[in-house]
């Protein structure tokens, strides 16, 4: 009977580059953190809030909006979940947790109004 011989063929090691590993080598932790914060900086406006803004003819300038976004992000770091944002011409109810403006009112509408389920208030004066 003939003998059968098996020869093993050595294979080179397989290396898989993970995209996160490759990008982590190029960026520092602070760069990654700042990028993540920048991606979450933009507030969304719910359909309801958008309707209220247009119905009540409330306009918010870009500079005011940037201040609102910055303060909402600051409120998020302090553990606030739902906030009342008071501007000169409007009041916004913001879900800080979701980064969404829930509703908007003009300053005439907020007189004698009770706001509930709010755990933080942001007051911005121009």
N, C-alpha and C. Protein backbone atom coordinates (compact mmCIF):
# COMPACT_ATOMS: atom_id res chain seq x y z
N UNK A 1 0.80 -1.17 0.00
CA UNK A 1 0.00 0.00 0.00
C UNK A 1 0.86 1.25 0.00
N UNK A 2 0.41 2.22 -0.74
CA UNK A 2 1.19 3.46 -0.80
C UNK A 2 0.87 4.34 0.39
N UNK A 3 1.87 5.05 0.83
CA UNK A 3 1.64 5.98 1.93
C UNK A 3 1.30 7.36 1.38
N UNK A 4 0.39 8.00 2.05
CA UNK A 4 -0.05 9.33 1.63
C UNK A 4 0.60 10.35 2.56
N UNK A 5 1.17 11.38 1.94
CA UNK A 5 1.82 12.44 2.71
C UNK A 5 1.06 13.75 2.52
N UNK A 6 0.83 14.40 3.61
CA UNK A 6 0.20 15.72 3.57
C UNK A 6 1.23 16.76 3.95
N UNK A 7 1.39 17.73 3.10
CA UNK A 7 2.29 18.84 3.39
C UNK A 7 1.46 20.08 3.70
N UNK A 8 1.77 20.71 4.77
CA UNK A 8 1.03 21.93 5.10
C UNK A 8 1.67 23.11 4.38
N UNK A 9 0.81 23.97 3.89
CA UNK A 9 1.30 25.16 3.19
C UNK A 9 1.11 26.33 4.15
N UNK A 10 2.18 27.01 4.51
CA UNK A 10 2.05 28.14 5.43
C UNK A 10 1.34 29.31 4.73
N UNK A 11 0.37 29.87 5.42
CA UNK A 11 -0.34 31.03 4.90
C UNK A 11 0.13 32.28 5.63
N UNK A 12 0.22 33.38 4.91
CA UNK A 12 0.61 34.62 5.60
C UNK A 12 -0.51 35.04 6.55
N UNK A 13 -0.17 35.71 7.64
CA UNK A 13 -1.21 36.15 8.58
C UNK A 13 -2.15 37.17 7.91
N UNK A 14 -3.41 37.05 8.22
CA UNK A 14 -4.40 37.95 7.66
C UNK A 14 -4.60 39.11 8.62
N UNK A 15 -4.41 40.31 8.12
CA UNK A 15 -4.62 41.49 8.95
C UNK A 15 -5.78 42.29 8.37
N UNK A 16 -6.67 42.69 9.23
CA UNK A 16 -7.82 43.48 8.82
C UNK A 16 -7.69 44.84 9.47
N UNK A 17 -7.69 45.86 8.64
CA UNK A 17 -7.62 47.22 9.18
C UNK A 17 -9.04 47.70 9.41
N UNK A 18 -9.29 48.04 10.62
CA UNK A 18 -10.58 48.58 10.99
C UNK A 18 -10.59 50.06 10.67
N UNK A 19 -11.68 50.58 10.12
CA UNK A 19 -11.73 52.00 9.76
C UNK A 19 -11.53 52.90 10.97
N UNK A 20 -12.06 52.48 12.11
CA UNK A 20 -11.90 53.32 13.30
C UNK A 20 -10.45 53.33 13.76
N UNK A 21 -9.76 52.21 13.59
CA UNK A 21 -8.36 52.19 13.97
C UNK A 21 -7.54 53.08 13.05
N UNK A 22 -7.84 53.04 11.76
CA UNK A 22 -7.09 53.86 10.82
C UNK A 22 -7.32 55.34 11.08
N UNK A 23 -8.57 55.73 11.34
CA UNK A 23 -8.83 57.15 11.58
C UNK A 23 -8.32 57.59 12.94
N UNK A 24 -8.30 56.67 13.90
CA UNK A 24 -7.81 57.01 15.24
C UNK A 24 -6.33 57.34 15.21
N UNK A 25 -5.60 56.73 14.30
CA UNK A 25 -4.17 57.01 14.21
C UNK A 25 -3.92 58.42 13.70
N UNK A 26 -4.84 58.91 12.87
CA UNK A 26 -4.66 60.22 12.27
C UNK A 26 -5.22 61.36 13.11
N UNK A 27 -6.20 61.06 13.96
CA UNK A 27 -6.85 62.11 14.74
C UNK A 27 -6.65 61.88 16.23
N UNK A 28 -6.49 62.96 16.94
CA UNK A 28 -6.36 62.85 18.39
C UNK A 28 -7.75 62.70 19.01
N UNK A 29 -7.76 62.35 20.28
CA UNK A 29 -9.04 62.19 20.99
C UNK A 29 -9.82 63.49 20.99
N UNK A 30 -9.14 64.60 21.23
CA UNK A 30 -9.85 65.89 21.27
C UNK A 30 -10.46 66.23 19.91
N UNK A 31 -9.77 65.87 18.82
CA UNK A 31 -10.34 66.09 17.49
C UNK A 31 -11.61 65.27 17.29
N UNK A 32 -11.55 64.01 17.72
CA UNK A 32 -12.72 63.13 17.61
C UNK A 32 -13.87 63.68 18.46
N UNK A 33 -13.56 64.12 19.67
CA UNK A 33 -14.59 64.65 20.57
C UNK A 33 -15.21 65.91 19.99
N UNK A 34 -14.39 66.82 19.50
CA UNK A 34 -14.90 68.06 18.92
C UNK A 34 -15.76 67.77 17.69
N UNK A 35 -15.36 66.78 16.91
CA UNK A 35 -16.16 66.39 15.75
C UNK A 35 -17.51 65.84 16.15
N UNK A 36 -17.52 65.03 17.20
CA UNK A 36 -18.79 64.47 17.70
C UNK A 36 -19.69 65.57 18.24
N UNK A 37 -19.12 66.53 18.94
CA UNK A 37 -19.90 67.64 19.47
C UNK A 37 -20.45 68.49 18.33
N UNK A 38 -19.65 68.73 17.32
CA UNK A 38 -20.10 69.53 16.18
C UNK A 38 -21.26 68.85 15.46
N UNK A 39 -21.22 67.52 15.37
CA UNK A 39 -22.31 66.80 14.71
C UNK A 39 -23.60 66.90 15.51
N UNK A 40 -23.50 67.03 16.82
CA UNK A 40 -24.70 67.10 17.65
C UNK A 40 -25.10 68.53 17.98
N UNK A 41 -24.38 69.50 17.46
CA UNK A 41 -24.65 70.90 17.78
C UNK A 41 -25.94 71.43 17.17
N UNK A 42 -26.36 70.91 16.05
CA UNK A 42 -27.50 71.47 15.36
C UNK A 42 -28.81 71.05 16.00
N UNK A 43 -29.61 72.05 16.36
CA UNK A 43 -30.95 71.79 16.89
C UNK A 43 -31.89 71.51 15.73
N UNK A 44 -32.77 70.57 15.94
CA UNK A 44 -33.82 70.30 14.96
C UNK A 44 -35.05 71.07 15.40
N UNK A 45 -35.88 71.40 14.43
CA UNK A 45 -37.15 72.06 14.74
C UNK A 45 -38.26 71.10 14.34
N UNK A 46 -39.10 70.77 15.30
CA UNK A 46 -40.21 69.87 15.01
C UNK A 46 -41.20 70.55 14.06
N UNK A 47 -42.02 69.75 13.41
CA UNK A 47 -43.02 70.31 12.50
C UNK A 47 -43.95 71.25 13.27
N UNK A 48 -44.34 70.84 14.46
CA UNK A 48 -45.22 71.66 15.30
C UNK A 48 -44.57 73.02 15.59
N UNK A 49 -43.30 72.99 16.00
CA UNK A 49 -42.60 74.25 16.31
C UNK A 49 -42.45 75.11 15.06
N UNK A 50 -42.16 74.47 13.93
CA UNK A 50 -42.03 75.21 12.68
C UNK A 50 -43.35 75.89 12.31
N UNK A 51 -44.45 75.18 12.50
CA UNK A 51 -45.77 75.77 12.24
C UNK A 51 -46.03 76.95 13.16
N UNK A 52 -45.67 76.82 14.44
CA UNK A 52 -45.89 77.90 15.40
C UNK A 52 -45.03 79.12 15.07
N UNK A 53 -43.80 78.88 14.67
CA UNK A 53 -42.92 80.00 14.30
C UNK A 53 -43.50 80.78 13.13
N UNK A 54 -44.00 80.08 12.13
CA UNK A 54 -44.55 80.78 10.96
C UNK A 54 -45.91 81.40 11.28
N UNK A 55 -46.78 80.70 12.03
CA UNK A 55 -48.08 81.25 12.42
C UNK A 55 -47.93 82.54 13.21
N UNK A 56 -47.01 82.54 14.12
CA UNK A 56 -46.84 83.68 15.03
C UNK A 56 -45.83 84.69 14.51
N UNK A 57 -45.36 84.46 13.29
CA UNK A 57 -44.41 85.34 12.62
C UNK A 57 -43.20 85.65 13.49
N UNK A 58 -42.63 84.60 14.05
CA UNK A 58 -41.44 84.73 14.89
C UNK A 58 -40.22 84.45 14.03
N UNK A 59 -39.29 85.38 14.02
CA UNK A 59 -38.04 85.16 13.30
C UNK A 59 -36.88 85.17 14.29
N UNK A 60 -35.99 84.24 14.09
CA UNK A 60 -34.80 84.13 14.94
C UNK A 60 -33.59 84.24 14.02
N UNK A 61 -32.72 85.20 14.30
CA UNK A 61 -31.56 85.43 13.45
C UNK A 61 -30.55 84.29 13.62
N UNK A 62 -29.63 84.20 12.67
CA UNK A 62 -28.59 83.17 12.74
C UNK A 62 -27.75 83.30 14.00
N UNK A 63 -27.41 84.54 14.36
CA UNK A 63 -26.58 84.73 15.55
C UNK A 63 -27.34 84.32 16.81
N UNK A 64 -28.63 84.63 16.87
CA UNK A 64 -29.44 84.20 18.02
C UNK A 64 -29.53 82.67 18.05
N UNK A 65 -29.73 82.07 16.88
CA UNK A 65 -29.86 80.62 16.80
C UNK A 65 -28.59 79.93 17.28
N UNK A 66 -27.44 80.49 16.90
CA UNK A 66 -26.16 79.90 17.35
C UNK A 66 -26.02 80.00 18.87
N UNK A 67 -26.47 81.11 19.44
CA UNK A 67 -26.44 81.25 20.90
C UNK A 67 -27.36 80.23 21.56
N UNK A 68 -28.54 80.05 20.98
CA UNK A 68 -29.48 79.06 21.52
C UNK A 68 -28.85 77.67 21.48
N UNK A 69 -28.27 77.31 20.33
CA UNK A 69 -27.63 76.00 20.20
C UNK A 69 -26.51 75.81 21.22
N UNK A 70 -25.69 76.84 21.39
CA UNK A 70 -24.57 76.75 22.34
C UNK A 70 -25.09 76.56 23.76
N UNK A 71 -26.10 77.33 24.14
CA UNK A 71 -26.64 77.23 25.50
C UNK A 71 -27.38 75.91 25.72
N UNK A 72 -28.04 75.41 24.70
CA UNK A 72 -28.72 74.11 24.83
C UNK A 72 -27.68 73.01 25.01
N UNK A 73 -26.58 73.10 24.29
CA UNK A 73 -25.50 72.11 24.47
C UNK A 73 -24.89 72.21 25.86
N UNK A 74 -24.75 73.44 26.36
CA UNK A 74 -24.24 73.62 27.72
C UNK A 74 -25.22 73.03 28.74
N UNK A 75 -26.51 73.25 28.50
CA UNK A 75 -27.53 72.68 29.40
C UNK A 75 -27.48 71.16 29.39
N UNK A 76 -27.18 70.59 28.23
CA UNK A 76 -27.09 69.13 28.12
C UNK A 76 -25.96 68.60 29.00
N UNK A 77 -24.85 69.32 29.04
CA UNK A 77 -23.72 68.88 29.88
C UNK A 77 -24.06 68.96 31.36
N UNK A 78 -25.04 69.80 31.70
CA UNK A 78 -25.45 69.94 33.11
C UNK A 78 -26.59 69.00 33.48
N UNK A 79 -26.98 68.15 32.54
CA UNK A 79 -28.00 67.15 32.83
C UNK A 79 -29.43 67.59 32.61
N UNK A 80 -29.62 68.72 31.97
CA UNK A 80 -30.98 69.21 31.71
C UNK A 80 -31.58 68.38 30.57
N UNK A 81 -32.84 68.03 30.71
CA UNK A 81 -33.51 67.23 29.67
C UNK A 81 -34.50 68.06 28.85
N UNK A 82 -35.26 68.92 29.51
CA UNK A 82 -36.24 69.78 28.84
C UNK A 82 -36.07 71.20 29.34
N UNK A 83 -35.99 72.14 28.39
CA UNK A 83 -35.66 73.51 28.78
C UNK A 83 -36.62 74.52 28.15
N UNK A 84 -36.82 75.59 28.89
CA UNK A 84 -37.52 76.76 28.38
C UNK A 84 -36.43 77.75 27.99
N UNK A 85 -36.42 78.17 26.72
CA UNK A 85 -35.44 79.14 26.23
C UNK A 85 -36.18 80.45 25.99
N UNK A 86 -35.81 81.48 26.75
CA UNK A 86 -36.45 82.79 26.61
C UNK A 86 -35.56 83.72 25.80
N UNK A 87 -36.10 84.20 24.69
CA UNK A 87 -35.43 85.19 23.85
C UNK A 87 -36.22 86.50 23.98
N UNK A 88 -35.69 87.58 23.40
CA UNK A 88 -36.40 88.85 23.46
C UNK A 88 -37.78 88.77 22.80
N UNK A 89 -37.86 88.04 21.69
CA UNK A 89 -39.10 88.01 20.91
C UNK A 89 -39.85 86.69 20.97
N UNK A 90 -39.31 85.69 21.69
CA UNK A 90 -39.96 84.38 21.68
C UNK A 90 -39.56 83.54 22.89
N UNK A 91 -40.35 82.51 23.09
CA UNK A 91 -40.03 81.48 24.09
C UNK A 91 -40.08 80.14 23.36
N UNK A 92 -39.05 79.34 23.57
CA UNK A 92 -38.97 78.03 22.92
C UNK A 92 -38.95 76.95 23.99
N UNK A 93 -39.68 75.89 23.76
CA UNK A 93 -39.58 74.70 24.60
C UNK A 93 -38.70 73.74 23.82
N UNK A 94 -37.59 73.32 24.45
CA UNK A 94 -36.60 72.49 23.76
C UNK A 94 -36.40 71.19 24.52
N UNK A 95 -36.46 70.09 23.78
CA UNK A 95 -36.05 68.81 24.33
C UNK A 95 -34.54 68.75 24.18
N UNK A 96 -33.84 69.05 25.26
CA UNK A 96 -32.37 69.08 25.23
C UNK A 96 -31.84 67.69 24.92
N UNK A 97 -32.47 66.69 25.52
CA UNK A 97 -32.05 65.31 25.34
C UNK A 97 -32.07 64.90 23.87
N UNK A 98 -33.11 65.32 23.13
CA UNK A 98 -33.25 64.96 21.72
C UNK A 98 -32.73 66.03 20.77
N UNK A 99 -32.37 67.20 21.31
CA UNK A 99 -31.88 68.29 20.47
C UNK A 99 -32.95 68.82 19.52
N UNK A 100 -34.19 68.94 20.03
CA UNK A 100 -35.30 69.34 19.18
C UNK A 100 -36.11 70.46 19.84
N UNK A 101 -36.43 71.48 19.04
CA UNK A 101 -37.34 72.52 19.50
C UNK A 101 -38.75 71.95 19.36
N UNK A 102 -39.47 71.88 20.48
CA UNK A 102 -40.79 71.25 20.49
C UNK A 102 -41.89 72.23 20.11
N UNK A 103 -41.84 73.44 20.67
CA UNK A 103 -42.83 74.46 20.32
C UNK A 103 -42.23 75.85 20.52
N UNK A 104 -42.93 76.84 19.99
CA UNK A 104 -42.46 78.23 20.08
C UNK A 104 -43.66 79.13 20.34
N UNK A 105 -43.42 80.18 21.12
CA UNK A 105 -44.45 81.17 21.43
C UNK A 105 -43.84 82.56 21.35
N UNK A 106 -44.67 83.51 21.01
CA UNK A 106 -44.24 84.90 21.04
C UNK A 106 -44.29 85.41 22.47
N UNK A 107 -43.68 86.55 22.71
CA UNK A 107 -43.65 87.09 24.07
C UNK A 107 -45.05 87.46 24.58
N UNK A 108 -45.96 87.81 23.68
CA UNK A 108 -47.34 88.11 24.09
C UNK A 108 -48.04 86.85 24.60
N UNK A 109 -47.69 85.71 24.02
CA UNK A 109 -48.35 84.45 24.38
C UNK A 109 -47.88 83.88 25.71
N UNK A 110 -46.73 84.33 26.20
CA UNK A 110 -46.20 83.72 27.43
C UNK A 110 -46.62 84.43 28.70
N UNK A 111 -47.29 85.55 28.56
CA UNK A 111 -47.75 86.27 29.76
C UNK A 111 -48.80 85.43 30.47
N UNK A 112 -48.70 85.34 31.79
CA UNK A 112 -49.62 84.55 32.62
C UNK A 112 -49.67 83.08 32.20
N UNK A 113 -48.58 82.56 31.71
CA UNK A 113 -48.51 81.16 31.27
C UNK A 113 -47.68 80.35 32.27
N UNK A 114 -48.11 79.15 32.56
CA UNK A 114 -47.36 78.25 33.45
C UNK A 114 -46.70 77.18 32.58
N UNK A 115 -45.40 77.04 32.72
CA UNK A 115 -44.66 76.02 31.98
C UNK A 115 -44.40 74.85 32.91
N UNK A 116 -44.78 73.66 32.47
CA UNK A 116 -44.58 72.46 33.29
C UNK A 116 -43.61 71.51 32.61
N UNK A 117 -43.13 70.55 33.37
CA UNK A 117 -42.19 69.53 32.88
C UNK A 117 -40.92 70.13 32.30
N UNK A 118 -40.47 71.21 32.90
CA UNK A 118 -39.23 71.88 32.48
C UNK A 118 -38.25 71.75 33.64
N UNK A 119 -37.03 71.30 33.34
CA UNK A 119 -36.04 71.21 34.42
C UNK A 119 -34.89 72.19 34.25
N UNK A 120 -35.04 73.15 33.35
CA UNK A 120 -34.03 74.18 33.20
C UNK A 120 -34.55 75.31 32.35
N UNK A 121 -34.06 76.51 32.60
CA UNK A 121 -34.45 77.69 31.83
C UNK A 121 -33.20 78.39 31.33
N UNK A 122 -33.24 78.79 30.08
CA UNK A 122 -32.14 79.52 29.46
C UNK A 122 -32.68 80.89 29.07
N UNK A 123 -32.06 81.95 29.57
CA UNK A 123 -32.49 83.31 29.26
C UNK A 123 -31.41 83.97 28.42
N UNK A 124 -31.78 84.36 27.20
CA UNK A 124 -30.84 85.01 26.29
C UNK A 124 -31.35 86.40 25.95
N UNK A 125 -30.57 87.40 26.25
CA UNK A 125 -30.91 88.78 25.91
C UNK A 125 -29.91 89.27 24.88
N UNK A 126 -30.42 89.98 23.89
CA UNK A 126 -29.50 90.52 22.86
C UNK A 126 -29.04 91.90 23.20
